[in-house]
Amino acid sequence: MNIPSVQSDILRLKREKDVCILAHSYQTRDIVEIADFTGDSYALSVQASKTANKTVIMCGVRFMAETVKILSPEKNVFLANPLAGCPMAELMSKEVVEAAKRDYPDYTVVAYINTTADLKTICDVCVTSSSAVKIVSKIENKNILFIPDCNLGDYVSKQVPEKNFKLLRGGCPIHAAVNTEEVKAAKEKHPNALLLVHPECTPLVVKYADYVGSTSGIMDFAKKSGAKEFIIGTEIAIVQHLQYACPDKRFYLLSKKLLCPNMKITSLIDVLNCLQGTGGEEIIMDRETIAKARVCIDKMIELG
């Protein structure tokens, strides 16, 4: 078997079985090419809810597949590779957050979309990296308990200084691993390049950026910008996708640490096996969890 033949089999099977395939932007190029939709996690969930397909395969990580199920409980939702998790989403337990809620009873609990369905059930409102500033600014309460990414929380707090933020220590270990020495080295090596970073990076790194935004925000900025060179401060897949999308521009990875093993664990064969019924894992969630987790997402939609 080779890549084109596997892709051909996948495209045939998804038509025959009426399946929608979602691929997060951090997936490899061969998977992106066979996906019906590619993008950030929440945007993919919304796209899936709008399709007529009764079965959805998520090429991403578990919390993303859970979000698809929350928004489309009537659909059969599969995670292409059951081992694909997210350290940030799995970092905090309900017990930790419930204890924080007791310590800060007058705070609105704002959950980054990168959280488990179970954790979403005890949160007040959900946000994405692209909507966080807008959503938080619209919350009536001035006190905000932001979970789980303290780096994103710090970034949002600086954009909404009129709010009081309490941040719990947590976040993306991949983005947080980048340091200022790497930033300085990259800028010295590519002096004409703009630095585009994800707000999951540390505040020390973010302050050097020419643009700070979500994965899709970074890609849109690079595509529309008149600049010709960019240092990309998010997962390596975005450098690769931008190289295909903008062959007249140059893209450099900020740090070789920006490689997410959980995103890269899904292979094209995993997608094929899932379609054939010999792989993947169906996301099963009880009605109560779906209903409770949906509350904070619906609040995000209301405020957004």
Protein backbone atom coordinates (compact mmCIF):
# COMPACT_ATOMS: atom_id res chain seq x y z
CA MET A 1 0.00 0.00 0.00
CA ASN A 2 1.08 3.57 -0.59
CA ILE A 3 -0.32 6.92 0.53
CA PRO A 4 -2.38 7.67 -2.63
CA SER A 5 -3.97 4.20 -2.58
CA VAL A 6 -4.87 4.47 1.11
CA GLN A 7 -6.31 7.93 0.53
CA SER A 8 -8.34 6.56 -2.38
CA ASP A 9 -9.75 3.78 -0.21
CA ILE A 10 -10.64 6.28 2.52
CA LEU A 11 -12.41 8.60 0.09
CA ARG A 12 -14.38 5.67 -1.35
CA LEU A 13 -15.37 4.29 2.06
CA LYS A 14 -16.43 7.60 3.49
CA ARG A 15 -18.74 8.11 0.51
CA GLU A 16 -20.16 4.61 0.75
CA LYS A 17 -20.70 4.82 4.51
CA ASP A 18 -21.78 8.48 4.56
CA VAL A 19 -19.04 9.53 7.01
CA CYS A 20 -17.74 13.02 7.73
CA ILE A 21 -14.01 13.20 8.50
CA LEU A 22 -12.68 16.05 10.64
CA ALA A 23 -8.98 16.88 10.86
CA HIS A 24 -7.49 19.34 13.30
CA SER A 25 -4.95 21.66 11.72
CA TYR A 26 -2.13 19.93 13.61
CA GLN A 27 -2.71 16.70 11.68
CA THR A 28 -0.27 15.63 8.98
CA ARG A 29 -0.76 16.64 5.37
CA ASP A 30 -1.88 13.20 4.17
CA ILE A 31 -4.78 13.25 6.64
CA VAL A 32 -5.73 16.85 5.94
CA GLU A 33 -6.04 15.97 2.25
CA ILE A 34 -8.82 13.40 2.87
CA ALA A 35 -10.74 15.40 5.48
CA ASP A 36 -14.07 17.07 4.82
CA PHE A 37 -13.20 19.88 7.21
CA THR A 38 -9.91 21.11 8.68
CA GLY A 39 -9.47 23.74 11.37
CA ASP A 40 -9.53 24.52 15.08
CA SER A 41 -11.31 22.14 17.44
CA TYR A 42 -14.51 24.07 18.18
CA ALA A 43 -14.97 25.15 14.56
CA LEU A 44 -14.77 21.50 13.54
CA SER A 45 -17.46 20.58 16.06
CA VAL A 46 -19.75 23.24 14.65
CA GLN A 47 -19.12 22.04 11.09
CA ALA A 48 -19.95 18.48 12.13
CA SER A 49 -23.23 19.60 13.70
CA LYS A 50 -24.27 21.15 10.40
CA THR A 51 -23.59 18.12 8.22
CA ALA A 52 -26.20 15.54 7.30
CA ASN A 53 -23.75 12.70 7.96
CA LYS A 54 -24.74 10.48 10.86
CA THR A 55 -21.20 9.30 11.52
CA VAL A 56 -18.18 11.52 12.24
CA ILE A 57 -14.52 10.58 12.60
CA MET A 58 -12.29 13.01 14.47
CA CYS A 59 -8.62 13.09 13.54
CA GLY A 60 -7.40 15.01 16.54
CA VAL A 61 -7.48 14.35 20.27
CA ARG A 62 -10.12 13.02 22.66
CA PHE A 63 -11.55 16.28 24.03
CA MET A 64 -12.23 17.35 20.43
CA ALA A 65 -14.21 14.20 19.70
CA GLU A 66 -16.08 14.74 22.97
CA THR A 67 -17.02 18.27 21.91
CA VAL A 68 -18.36 16.92 18.62
CA LYS A 69 -20.52 14.48 20.59
CA ILE A 70 -21.76 17.23 22.91
CA LEU A 71 -22.90 19.36 19.97
CA SER A 72 -24.20 16.37 17.99
CA PRO A 73 -25.42 13.76 20.51
CA GLU A 74 -27.49 12.04 17.83
CA LYS A 75 -24.41 11.27 15.72
CA ASN A 76 -22.00 8.35 16.00
CA VAL A 77 -18.68 10.01 16.80
CA PHE A 78 -15.35 8.20 16.58
CA LEU A 79 -11.82 9.14 17.61
CA ALA A 80 -9.53 7.78 14.89
CA ASN A 81 -6.78 6.84 17.36
CA PRO A 82 -7.96 6.08 20.94
CA LEU A 83 -4.55 6.97 22.39
CA ALA A 84 -4.73 10.57 21.16
CA GLY A 85 -5.21 12.61 24.32
CA CYS A 86 -4.30 16.12 25.43
CA PRO A 87 -2.08 16.66 28.49
CA MET A 88 -3.61 20.09 29.10
CA ALA A 89 -7.20 18.83 28.89
CA GLU A 90 -6.42 15.89 31.16
CA LEU A 91 -4.35 17.85 33.68
CA MET A 92 -7.08 19.09 35.99
CA SER A 93 -9.60 16.91 37.76
CA LYS A 94 -13.10 17.97 38.78
CA GLU A 95 -11.95 17.78 42.40
CA VAL A 96 -9.23 20.40 41.82
CA VAL A 97 -11.61 22.79 40.09
CA GLU A 98 -14.39 22.22 42.63
CA ALA A 99 -11.92 23.05 45.41
CA ALA A 100 -10.96 26.26 43.58
CA LYS A 101 -14.65 27.13 43.22
CA ARG A 102 -15.06 26.77 46.98
CA ASP A 103 -12.05 29.03 47.55
CA TYR A 104 -13.36 31.62 45.07
CA PRO A 105 -17.16 31.32 45.27
CA ASP A 106 -17.86 34.68 43.65
CA TYR A 107 -15.78 33.93 40.53
CA THR A 108 -17.16 32.88 37.13
CA VAL A 109 -15.42 29.70 35.98
CA VAL A 110 -14.20 30.13 32.41
CA ALA A 111 -13.05 26.92 30.72
CA TYR A 112 -10.82 26.83 27.68
CA ILE A 113 -12.35 24.49 25.07
CA ASN A 114 -9.28 22.29 25.64
CA THR A 115 -10.88 20.55 28.61
CA THR A 116 -12.58 17.20 29.06
CA ALA A 117 -16.36 16.89 28.83
CA ASP A 118 -16.39 15.87 32.49
CA LEU A 119 -14.66 19.09 33.53
CA LYS A 120 -16.94 21.23 31.36
CA THR A 121 -19.91 20.00 33.43
CA ILE A 122 -18.88 22.21 36.37
CA CYS A 123 -17.83 25.31 34.43
CA ASP A 124 -19.87 28.44 33.70
CA VAL A 125 -18.71 29.39 30.23
CA CYS A 126 -16.40 27.96 27.60
CA VAL A 127 -13.99 29.90 25.34
CA THR A 128 -11.70 29.23 22.40
CA SER A 129 -8.32 30.88 21.95
CA SER A 130 -9.84 33.13 19.29
CA SER A 131 -12.98 34.08 21.26
CA ALA A 132 -11.61 34.23 24.81
CA VAL A 133 -11.02 37.98 24.98
CA LYS A 134 -14.43 38.80 23.49
CA ILE A 135 -16.30 36.32 25.70
CA VAL A 136 -14.59 37.30 28.95
CA SER A 137 -15.13 41.00 28.27
CA LYS A 138 -18.88 40.32 28.00
CA ILE A 139 -19.16 38.39 31.27
CA GLU A 140 -20.98 40.57 33.81
CA ASN A 141 -18.96 39.30 36.76
CA LYS A 142 -15.62 41.06 37.13
CA ASN A 143 -14.08 38.01 38.86
CA ILE A 144 -12.81 35.29 36.53
CA LEU A 145 -11.43 31.85 37.44
CA PHE A 146 -9.73 30.75 34.21
CA ILE A 147 -8.84 27.10 33.56
CA PRO A 148 -6.78 25.18 32.59
CA ASP A 149 -4.19 27.19 30.60
CA CYS A 150 -2.56 29.86 32.74
CA ASN A 151 -0.65 31.22 29.72
CA LEU A 152 -3.81 31.82 27.70
CA GLY A 153 -5.41 33.13 30.87
CA ASP A 154 -2.55 35.59 31.37
CA TYR A 155 -2.87 36.78 27.78
CA VAL A 156 -6.62 37.32 28.15
CA SER A 157 -6.18 39.10 31.49
CA LYS A 158 -3.90 41.65 29.84
CA GLN A 159 -6.48 42.31 27.12
CA VAL A 160 -9.29 42.69 29.68
CA PRO A 161 -7.56 44.56 32.55
CA GLU A 162 -10.84 45.57 34.15
CA LYS A 163 -11.41 41.96 35.26
CA ASN A 164 -9.88 40.20 38.26
CA PHE A 165 -8.32 36.91 37.19
CA LYS A 166 -7.44 33.85 39.20
CA LEU A 167 -5.31 31.42 37.20
CA LEU A 168 -4.68 27.81 38.10
CA ARG A 169 -1.34 26.37 37.03
CA GLY A 170 -1.78 24.33 33.91
CA GLY A 171 -1.41 24.53 30.17
CA CYS A 172 0.02 23.04 27.02
CA PRO A 173 3.44 21.52 27.73
CA ILE A 174 4.40 21.80 24.05
CA HIS A 175 3.76 25.52 23.64
CA ALA A 176 5.00 26.29 27.17
CA ALA A 177 8.36 24.63 26.46
CA VAL A 178 9.47 27.39 24.09
CA ASN A 179 11.80 29.92 25.71
CA THR A 180 13.03 33.44 24.99
CA GLU A 181 16.47 32.23 23.97
CA GLU A 182 14.86 30.36 21.08
CA VAL A 183 12.86 33.46 20.18
CA LYS A 184 15.97 35.63 20.09
CA ALA A 185 17.87 33.04 18.05
CA ALA A 186 15.05 32.72 15.52
CA LYS A 187 14.70 36.49 15.14
CA GLU A 188 18.45 36.88 14.76
CA LYS A 189 18.54 34.17 12.07
CA HIS A 190 15.48 35.57 10.26
CA PRO A 191 15.55 39.34 10.91
CA ASN A 192 12.94 40.13 8.25
CA ALA A 193 10.41 37.57 9.49
CA LEU A 194 7.32 38.38 11.53
CA LEU A 195 6.85 36.30 14.68
CA LEU A 196 3.38 34.72 14.98
CA VAL A 197 2.67 32.85 18.20
CA HIS A 198 -0.16 31.01 19.94
CA PRO A 199 -1.27 32.46 23.31
CA GLU A 200 -0.59 29.07 24.90
CA CYS A 201 3.08 30.14 24.79
CA THR A 202 4.47 31.76 27.92
CA PRO A 203 4.02 35.51 28.51
CA LEU A 204 7.78 35.95 28.09
CA VAL A 205 7.55 34.54 24.56
CA VAL A 206 4.26 36.25 23.67
CA LYS A 207 5.68 39.71 24.34
CA TYR A 208 8.07 39.33 21.38
CA ALA A 209 5.29 38.45 18.92
CA ASP A 210 4.14 40.55 16.00
CA TYR A 211 0.86 38.66 16.09
CA VAL A 212 -0.76 36.51 18.80
CA GLY A 213 -3.70 34.31 17.93
CA SER A 214 -5.34 30.94 17.49
CA THR A 215 -4.10 28.37 15.02
CA SER A 216 -6.56 29.53 12.35
CA GLY A 217 -5.78 33.13 13.24
CA ILE A 218 -2.07 32.57 12.66
CA MET A 219 -2.76 30.90 9.32
CA ASP A 220 -5.13 33.65 8.17
CA PHE A 221 -2.69 36.37 9.21
CA ALA A 222 0.17 34.76 7.31
CA LYS A 223 -1.93 34.23 4.18
CA LYS A 224 -3.23 37.81 4.10
CA SER A 225 -0.06 39.59 5.19
CA GLY A 226 2.07 41.44 2.69
CA ALA A 227 5.15 40.14 4.51
CA LYS A 228 7.12 37.33 2.91
CA GLU A 229 8.77 35.65 5.91
CA PHE A 230 7.27 34.33 9.15
CA ILE A 231 8.47 32.57 12.28
CA ILE A 232 5.67 30.29 13.44
CA GLY A 233 5.21 29.79 17.18
CA THR A 234 2.81 26.88 17.18
CA GLU A 235 2.75 23.20 16.17
CA ILE A 236 5.05 22.25 13.27
CA ALA A 237 2.13 21.14 11.09
CA ILE A 238 1.12 24.78 10.63
CA VAL A 239 4.50 25.56 9.07
CA GLN A 240 3.98 22.71 6.63
CA HIS A 241 0.39 23.65 5.74
CA LEU A 242 1.39 27.28 5.18
CA GLN A 243 4.24 26.21 2.93
CA TYR A 244 1.70 24.49 0.68
CA ALA A 245 -0.81 27.35 0.90
CA CYS A 246 1.71 30.15 0.28
CA PRO A 247 4.56 28.84 -1.87
CA ASP A 248 5.76 32.41 -2.51
CA LYS A 249 6.42 32.95 1.22
CA ARG A 250 8.91 31.48 3.68
CA PHE A 251 7.94 29.92 7.01
CA TYR A 252 10.29 29.00 9.84
CA LEU A 253 9.51 26.99 12.97
CA LEU A 254 10.20 28.90 16.18
CA SER A 255 11.35 25.80 18.05
CA LYS A 256 11.72 22.11 17.28
CA LYS A 257 9.97 21.52 20.62
CA LEU A 258 6.71 22.47 18.89
CA LEU A 259 5.84 18.91 17.96
CA CYS A 260 2.75 17.42 19.60
CA PRO A 261 3.03 13.61 19.89
CA ASN A 262 -0.68 13.29 20.65
CA MET A 263 -1.60 15.06 17.43
CA LYS A 264 0.93 13.10 15.42
CA ILE A 265 -0.10 9.70 16.78
CA THR A 266 -3.02 9.46 14.34
CA SER A 267 -2.00 7.92 11.03
CA LEU A 268 -3.73 7.59 7.68
CA ILE A 269 -4.06 3.85 8.34
CA ASP A 270 -5.86 4.66 11.61
CA VAL A 271 -8.47 6.56 9.61
CA LEU A 272 -8.82 3.65 7.17
CA ASN A 273 -9.16 1.12 10.00
CA CYS A 274 -11.79 3.28 11.67
CA LEU A 275 -13.80 3.40 8.46
CA GLN A 276 -13.47 -0.37 8.08
CA GLY A 277 -14.69 -0.94 11.62
CA THR A 278 -11.41 -2.46 12.78
CA GLY A 279 -10.06 0.55 14.65
CA GLY A 280 -10.86 3.83 16.31
CA GLU A 281 -13.09 4.29 19.35
CA GLU A 282 -16.67 5.47 19.50
CA ILE A 283 -17.24 8.29 21.96
CA ILE A 284 -19.99 7.19 24.33
CA MET A 285 -21.40 9.81 26.68
CA ASP A 286 -24.48 9.69 28.90
CA ARG A 287 -27.24 12.24 28.45
CA GLU A 288 -26.59 13.94 31.79
CA THR A 289 -22.92 14.61 30.99
CA ILE A 290 -23.82 15.91 27.53
CA ALA A 291 -26.50 18.22 28.96
CA LYS A 292 -24.29 19.59 31.74
CA ALA A 293 -21.22 20.02 29.50
CA ARG A 294 -23.37 21.76 26.89
CA VAL A 295 -24.31 24.55 29.33
CA CYS A 296 -20.92 26.29 29.25
CA ILE A 297 -20.71 25.90 25.46
CA ASP A 298 -24.19 27.39 25.00
CA LYS A 299 -23.14 30.30 27.22
CA MET A 300 -20.14 30.87 24.96
CA ILE A 301 -22.43 30.92 21.92
CA GLU A 302 -24.74 33.37 23.69
CA LEU A 303 -21.92 35.76 24.57
CA GLY A 304 -20.17 35.32 21.24
